């Protein structure tokens, strides 16, 4: 692996760089909270060669949003569902914007 490969991973939001302990520390939560949102299938951490959970920056953002909802009194099951739906909506809006740009480009070309 080259140095460029390693540096590229630093910018990759999906690279599983954080251990469970570090992820919990960053989020200011417990490891059991991370396990719980995993049990509710909000995030699925990758596993290291030794079987340890590893989290990406993207997953930490999702977990932070769930924690925010839970901290405001939302049950964890509902918080996980809300965050999943918010994520799906954001993706759908991104796809729609791409389609609009593509259609506008197509209209200009023809």
N, C-alpha and C. Protein backbone atom coordinates (compact mmCIF):
# COMPACT_ATOMS: atom_id res chain seq x y z
N UNK A 1 0.85 -1.17 0.00
CA UNK A 1 0.00 0.00 0.00
C UNK A 1 0.90 1.24 0.00
N UNK A 2 0.56 2.21 -0.83
CA UNK A 2 1.37 3.41 -0.93
C UNK A 2 0.90 4.47 0.06
N UNK A 3 1.74 5.48 0.24
CA UNK A 3 1.37 6.60 1.12
C UNK A 3 0.13 7.31 0.58
N UNK A 4 0.02 7.40 -0.76
CA UNK A 4 -1.16 8.04 -1.36
C UNK A 4 -2.44 7.28 -1.00
N UNK A 5 -2.35 5.94 -0.98
CA UNK A 5 -3.51 5.13 -0.59
C UNK A 5 -3.91 5.43 0.85
N UNK A 6 -2.91 5.52 1.73
CA UNK A 6 -3.19 5.79 3.14
C UNK A 6 -3.78 7.17 3.33
N UNK A 7 -3.22 8.17 2.65
CA UNK A 7 -3.75 9.53 2.77
C UNK A 7 -5.15 9.63 2.19
N UNK A 8 -5.42 8.88 1.13
CA UNK A 8 -6.75 8.88 0.53
C UNK A 8 -7.80 8.38 1.51
N UNK A 9 -7.44 7.44 2.33
CA UNK A 9 -8.37 6.90 3.32
C UNK A 9 -8.74 7.95 4.37
N UNK A 10 -7.85 8.89 4.63
CA UNK A 10 -8.13 9.92 5.62
C UNK A 10 -9.33 10.79 5.21
N UNK A 11 -9.54 10.92 3.91
CA UNK A 11 -10.65 11.72 3.40
C UNK A 11 -11.88 10.90 3.10
N UNK A 12 -11.81 9.60 3.27
CA UNK A 12 -12.92 8.71 2.94
C UNK A 12 -13.88 8.59 4.12
N UNK A 13 -15.09 9.17 3.97
CA UNK A 13 -16.08 9.13 5.04
C UNK A 13 -16.57 7.72 5.35
N UNK A 14 -16.35 6.79 4.44
CA UNK A 14 -16.83 5.42 4.63
C UNK A 14 -15.75 4.46 5.14
N UNK A 15 -14.53 4.95 5.31
CA UNK A 15 -13.45 4.09 5.79
C UNK A 15 -13.63 3.83 7.29
N UNK A 16 -13.68 2.56 7.70
CA UNK A 16 -13.91 2.23 9.12
C UNK A 16 -12.66 2.44 9.98
N UNK A 17 -12.42 3.68 10.35
CA UNK A 17 -11.18 4.04 11.03
C UNK A 17 -11.27 4.03 12.55
N UNK A 18 -12.48 4.00 13.11
CA UNK A 18 -12.64 4.19 14.54
C UNK A 18 -13.05 2.91 15.25
N UNK A 19 -12.36 2.61 16.33
CA UNK A 19 -12.74 1.48 17.18
C UNK A 19 -14.02 1.86 17.92
N UNK A 20 -14.66 0.88 18.51
CA UNK A 20 -15.88 1.15 19.27
C UNK A 20 -15.60 2.11 20.43
N UNK A 21 -14.52 1.89 21.13
CA UNK A 21 -14.18 2.76 22.25
C UNK A 21 -13.95 4.19 21.81
N UNK A 22 -13.20 4.36 20.75
CA UNK A 22 -12.92 5.71 20.23
C UNK A 22 -14.19 6.35 19.70
N UNK A 23 -15.03 5.59 19.01
CA UNK A 23 -16.29 6.12 18.48
C UNK A 23 -17.18 6.60 19.63
N UNK A 24 -17.29 5.81 20.68
CA UNK A 24 -18.10 6.20 21.84
C UNK A 24 -17.54 7.46 22.49
N UNK A 25 -16.22 7.54 22.57
CA UNK A 25 -15.58 8.72 23.15
C UNK A 25 -15.87 9.97 22.31
N UNK A 26 -15.74 9.85 21.00
CA UNK A 26 -15.99 10.98 20.10
C UNK A 26 -17.43 11.47 20.24
N UNK A 27 -18.36 10.52 20.35
CA UNK A 27 -19.79 10.85 20.43
C UNK A 27 -20.23 11.25 21.84
N UNK A 28 -19.38 10.99 22.82
CA UNK A 28 -19.75 11.28 24.20
C UNK A 28 -20.86 10.36 24.68
N UNK A 29 -20.79 9.12 24.25
CA UNK A 29 -21.81 8.15 24.62
C UNK A 29 -21.14 6.87 25.10
N UNK A 30 -21.92 5.83 25.25
CA UNK A 30 -21.38 4.55 25.73
C UNK A 30 -21.27 3.55 24.58
N UNK A 31 -20.47 2.55 24.80
CA UNK A 31 -20.37 1.48 23.82
C UNK A 31 -21.69 0.74 23.71
N UNK A 32 -22.43 0.65 24.79
CA UNK A 32 -23.73 -0.04 24.74
C UNK A 32 -24.71 0.71 23.84
N UNK A 33 -24.61 2.05 23.79
CA UNK A 33 -25.46 2.81 22.87
C UNK A 33 -25.13 2.43 21.42
N UNK A 34 -23.85 2.33 21.10
CA UNK A 34 -23.45 1.93 19.74
C UNK A 34 -23.93 0.51 19.43
N UNK A 35 -23.85 -0.37 20.40
CA UNK A 35 -24.36 -1.73 20.18
C UNK A 35 -25.87 -1.69 19.94
N UNK A 36 -26.58 -0.86 20.71
CA UNK A 36 -28.04 -0.78 20.59
C UNK A 36 -28.47 -0.26 19.23
N UNK A 37 -27.81 0.77 18.73
CA UNK A 37 -28.22 1.26 17.40
C UNK A 37 -27.80 0.28 16.31
N UNK A 38 -26.78 -0.51 16.59
CA UNK A 38 -26.43 -1.60 15.68
C UNK A 38 -27.49 -2.70 15.71
N UNK A 39 -27.98 -3.01 16.91
CA UNK A 39 -29.04 -4.01 17.05
C UNK A 39 -30.32 -3.59 16.32
N UNK A 40 -30.55 -2.28 16.27
CA UNK A 40 -31.73 -1.74 15.57
C UNK A 40 -31.44 -1.48 14.09
N UNK A 41 -30.26 -1.93 13.65
CA UNK A 41 -29.84 -1.86 12.25
C UNK A 41 -29.75 -0.45 11.68
N UNK A 42 -29.49 0.53 12.56
CA UNK A 42 -29.28 1.88 12.06
C UNK A 42 -27.92 1.95 11.37
N UNK A 43 -26.92 1.38 12.00
CA UNK A 43 -25.59 1.29 11.40
C UNK A 43 -25.09 -0.13 11.59
N UNK A 44 -24.28 -0.57 10.65
CA UNK A 44 -23.66 -1.90 10.75
C UNK A 44 -22.15 -1.69 10.66
N UNK A 45 -21.48 -1.72 11.81
CA UNK A 45 -20.03 -1.51 11.76
C UNK A 45 -19.33 -2.65 11.04
N UNK A 46 -18.24 -2.32 10.41
CA UNK A 46 -17.41 -3.36 9.82
C UNK A 46 -16.63 -4.02 10.95
N UNK A 47 -16.07 -5.15 10.67
CA UNK A 47 -15.29 -5.87 11.68
C UNK A 47 -13.83 -5.93 11.26
N UNK A 48 -12.96 -5.74 12.22
CA UNK A 48 -11.52 -5.87 11.97
C UNK A 48 -11.20 -7.35 11.81
N UNK A 49 -9.98 -7.64 11.45
CA UNK A 49 -9.55 -9.04 11.30
C UNK A 49 -9.74 -9.80 12.61
N UNK A 50 -9.63 -9.09 13.74
CA UNK A 50 -9.81 -9.72 15.04
C UNK A 50 -11.26 -9.74 15.51
N UNK A 51 -12.19 -9.26 14.66
CA UNK A 51 -13.60 -9.29 15.00
C UNK A 51 -14.12 -8.07 15.75
N UNK A 52 -13.29 -7.06 15.90
CA UNK A 52 -13.71 -5.86 16.63
C UNK A 52 -14.49 -4.91 15.71
N UNK A 53 -15.50 -4.25 16.29
CA UNK A 53 -16.29 -3.29 15.51
C UNK A 53 -15.45 -2.08 15.14
N UNK A 54 -15.62 -1.64 13.89
CA UNK A 54 -14.94 -0.45 13.39
C UNK A 54 -15.97 0.44 12.71
N UNK A 55 -15.90 1.75 13.00
CA UNK A 55 -16.89 2.71 12.53
C UNK A 55 -16.26 3.74 11.60
N UNK A 56 -17.04 4.19 10.63
CA UNK A 56 -16.60 5.23 9.72
C UNK A 56 -17.11 6.59 10.21
N UNK A 57 -16.58 7.66 9.62
CA UNK A 57 -17.07 9.00 9.96
C UNK A 57 -18.54 9.14 9.62
N UNK A 58 -18.94 8.58 8.49
CA UNK A 58 -20.36 8.64 8.10
C UNK A 58 -21.23 7.97 9.18
N UNK A 59 -20.82 6.81 9.64
CA UNK A 59 -21.58 6.11 10.68
C UNK A 59 -21.61 6.91 11.98
N UNK A 60 -20.52 7.60 12.29
CA UNK A 60 -20.51 8.42 13.49
C UNK A 60 -21.49 9.58 13.37
N UNK A 61 -21.63 10.15 12.19
CA UNK A 61 -22.61 11.23 11.98
C UNK A 61 -24.03 10.70 12.20
N UNK A 62 -24.30 9.52 11.68
CA UNK A 62 -25.62 8.90 11.85
C UNK A 62 -25.87 8.62 13.34
N UNK A 63 -24.87 8.07 14.01
CA UNK A 63 -25.00 7.77 15.43
C UNK A 63 -25.19 9.04 16.25
N UNK A 64 -24.51 10.12 15.87
CA UNK A 64 -24.65 11.38 16.60
C UNK A 64 -26.07 11.91 16.49
N UNK A 65 -26.67 11.79 15.33
CA UNK A 65 -28.06 12.24 15.15
C UNK A 65 -29.00 11.40 16.02
N UNK A 66 -28.79 10.10 16.04
CA UNK A 66 -29.62 9.23 16.88
C UNK A 66 -29.46 9.59 18.35
N UNK A 67 -28.24 9.84 18.76
CA UNK A 67 -27.99 10.22 20.16
C UNK A 67 -28.69 11.51 20.50
N UNK A 68 -28.68 12.46 19.59
CA UNK A 68 -29.36 13.74 19.82
C UNK A 68 -30.85 13.51 20.09
N UNK A 69 -31.47 12.67 19.27
CA UNK A 69 -32.89 12.37 19.46
C UNK A 69 -33.15 11.67 20.79
N UNK A 70 -32.31 10.70 21.11
CA UNK A 70 -32.46 9.95 22.37
C UNK A 70 -32.27 10.89 23.56
N UNK A 71 -31.30 11.78 23.45
CA UNK A 71 -31.05 12.73 24.53
C UNK A 71 -32.25 13.65 24.76
N UNK A 72 -33.07 13.84 23.73
CA UNK A 72 -34.27 14.68 23.85
C UNK A 72 -35.52 13.86 24.18
N UNK A 73 -35.33 12.59 24.55
CA UNK A 73 -36.43 11.79 25.04
C UNK A 73 -37.07 10.83 24.05
N UNK A 74 -36.55 10.77 22.84
CA UNK A 74 -37.10 9.84 21.85
C UNK A 74 -36.61 8.43 22.17
N UNK A 75 -37.51 7.45 22.20
CA UNK A 75 -37.06 6.06 22.42
C UNK A 75 -36.06 5.65 21.33
N UNK A 76 -35.12 4.82 21.69
CA UNK A 76 -34.05 4.46 20.75
C UNK A 76 -34.59 3.83 19.47
N UNK A 77 -35.63 3.01 19.57
CA UNK A 77 -36.20 2.38 18.37
C UNK A 77 -36.72 3.45 17.41
N UNK A 78 -37.45 4.43 17.98
CA UNK A 78 -38.00 5.51 17.16
C UNK A 78 -36.90 6.39 16.61
N UNK A 79 -35.88 6.67 17.42
CA UNK A 79 -34.76 7.50 16.96
C UNK A 79 -34.06 6.84 15.77
N UNK A 80 -33.86 5.55 15.84
CA UNK A 80 -33.21 4.83 14.74
C UNK A 80 -34.05 4.91 13.48
N UNK A 81 -35.35 4.76 13.62
CA UNK A 81 -36.24 4.82 12.45
C UNK A 81 -36.25 6.23 11.86
N UNK A 82 -36.31 7.24 12.70
CA UNK A 82 -36.31 8.63 12.24
C UNK A 82 -35.03 8.93 11.46
N UNK A 83 -33.90 8.55 12.03
CA UNK A 83 -32.61 8.84 11.39
C UNK A 83 -32.51 8.08 10.06
N UNK A 84 -32.97 6.84 10.02
CA UNK A 84 -32.94 6.07 8.77
C UNK A 84 -33.79 6.75 7.70
N UNK A 85 -34.97 7.22 8.10
CA UNK A 85 -35.85 7.90 7.14
C UNK A 85 -35.25 9.24 6.69
N UNK A 86 -34.64 9.97 7.60
CA UNK A 86 -33.97 11.22 7.22
C UNK A 86 -32.87 10.96 6.21
N UNK A 87 -32.12 9.89 6.43
CA UNK A 87 -31.02 9.54 5.53
C UNK A 87 -31.57 9.15 4.15
N UNK A 88 -32.66 8.38 4.13
CA UNK A 88 -33.28 8.00 2.85
C UNK A 88 -33.80 9.22 2.11
N UNK A 89 -34.41 10.15 2.84
CA UNK A 89 -34.93 11.37 2.22
C UNK A 89 -33.80 12.20 1.63
N UNK A 90 -32.72 12.34 2.36
CA UNK A 90 -31.57 13.09 1.85
C UNK A 90 -31.03 12.47 0.56
N UNK A 91 -30.93 11.16 0.54
CA UNK A 91 -30.45 10.46 -0.66
C UNK A 91 -31.42 10.65 -1.83
N UNK A 92 -32.72 10.56 -1.58
CA UNK A 92 -33.72 10.76 -2.63
C UNK A 92 -33.64 12.19 -3.17
N UNK A 93 -33.44 13.16 -2.29
CA UNK A 93 -33.33 14.55 -2.74
C UNK A 93 -32.08 14.75 -3.58
N UNK A 94 -30.99 14.09 -3.20
CA UNK A 94 -29.74 14.18 -3.98
C UNK A 94 -29.94 13.60 -5.37
N UNK A 95 -30.60 12.45 -5.45
CA UNK A 95 -30.86 11.81 -6.74
C UNK A 95 -31.77 12.68 -7.59
N UNK A 96 -32.81 13.26 -6.99
CA UNK A 96 -33.71 14.14 -7.73
C UNK A 96 -32.97 15.35 -8.29
N UNK A 97 -32.08 15.93 -7.49
CA UNK A 97 -31.31 17.08 -7.95
C UNK A 97 -30.42 16.69 -9.13
N UNK A 98 -29.83 15.50 -9.08
CA UNK A 98 -29.01 15.02 -10.20
C UNK A 98 -29.85 14.87 -11.45
N UNK A 99 -31.06 14.32 -11.30
CA UNK A 99 -31.95 14.15 -12.45
C UNK A 99 -32.35 15.51 -13.03
N UNK A 100 -32.62 16.46 -12.17
CA UNK A 100 -32.98 17.81 -12.64
C UNK A 100 -31.82 18.44 -13.41
N UNK A 101 -30.61 18.31 -12.87
CA UNK A 101 -29.44 18.87 -13.56
C UNK A 101 -29.25 18.18 -14.91
N UNK A 102 -29.39 16.86 -14.92
CA UNK A 102 -29.25 16.11 -16.17
C UNK A 102 -30.30 16.51 -17.18
N UNK A 103 -31.54 16.67 -16.74
CA UNK A 103 -32.63 17.07 -17.64
C UNK A 103 -32.41 18.46 -18.16
N UNK A 104 -31.93 19.37 -17.29
CA UNK A 104 -31.66 20.75 -17.73
C UNK A 104 -30.53 20.78 -18.74
N UNK A 105 -29.52 19.98 -18.54
CA UNK A 105 -28.41 19.89 -19.48
C UNK A 105 -28.89 19.35 -20.81
N UNK A 106 -29.72 18.33 -20.76
CA UNK A 106 -30.26 17.71 -21.96
C UNK A 106 -31.11 18.70 -22.73
N UNK A 107 -31.88 19.52 -22.03
CA UNK A 107 -32.73 20.52 -22.66
C UNK A 107 -31.89 21.58 -23.35
N UNK A 108 -30.78 21.99 -22.72
CA UNK A 108 -29.91 23.01 -23.28
C UNK A 108 -29.22 22.47 -24.54
N UNK A 109 -28.84 21.20 -24.53
CA UNK A 109 -28.11 20.60 -25.64
C UNK A 109 -29.00 20.42 -26.86
N UNK A 110 -30.27 20.07 -26.65
CA UNK A 110 -31.15 19.80 -27.80
C UNK A 110 -31.85 21.02 -28.31
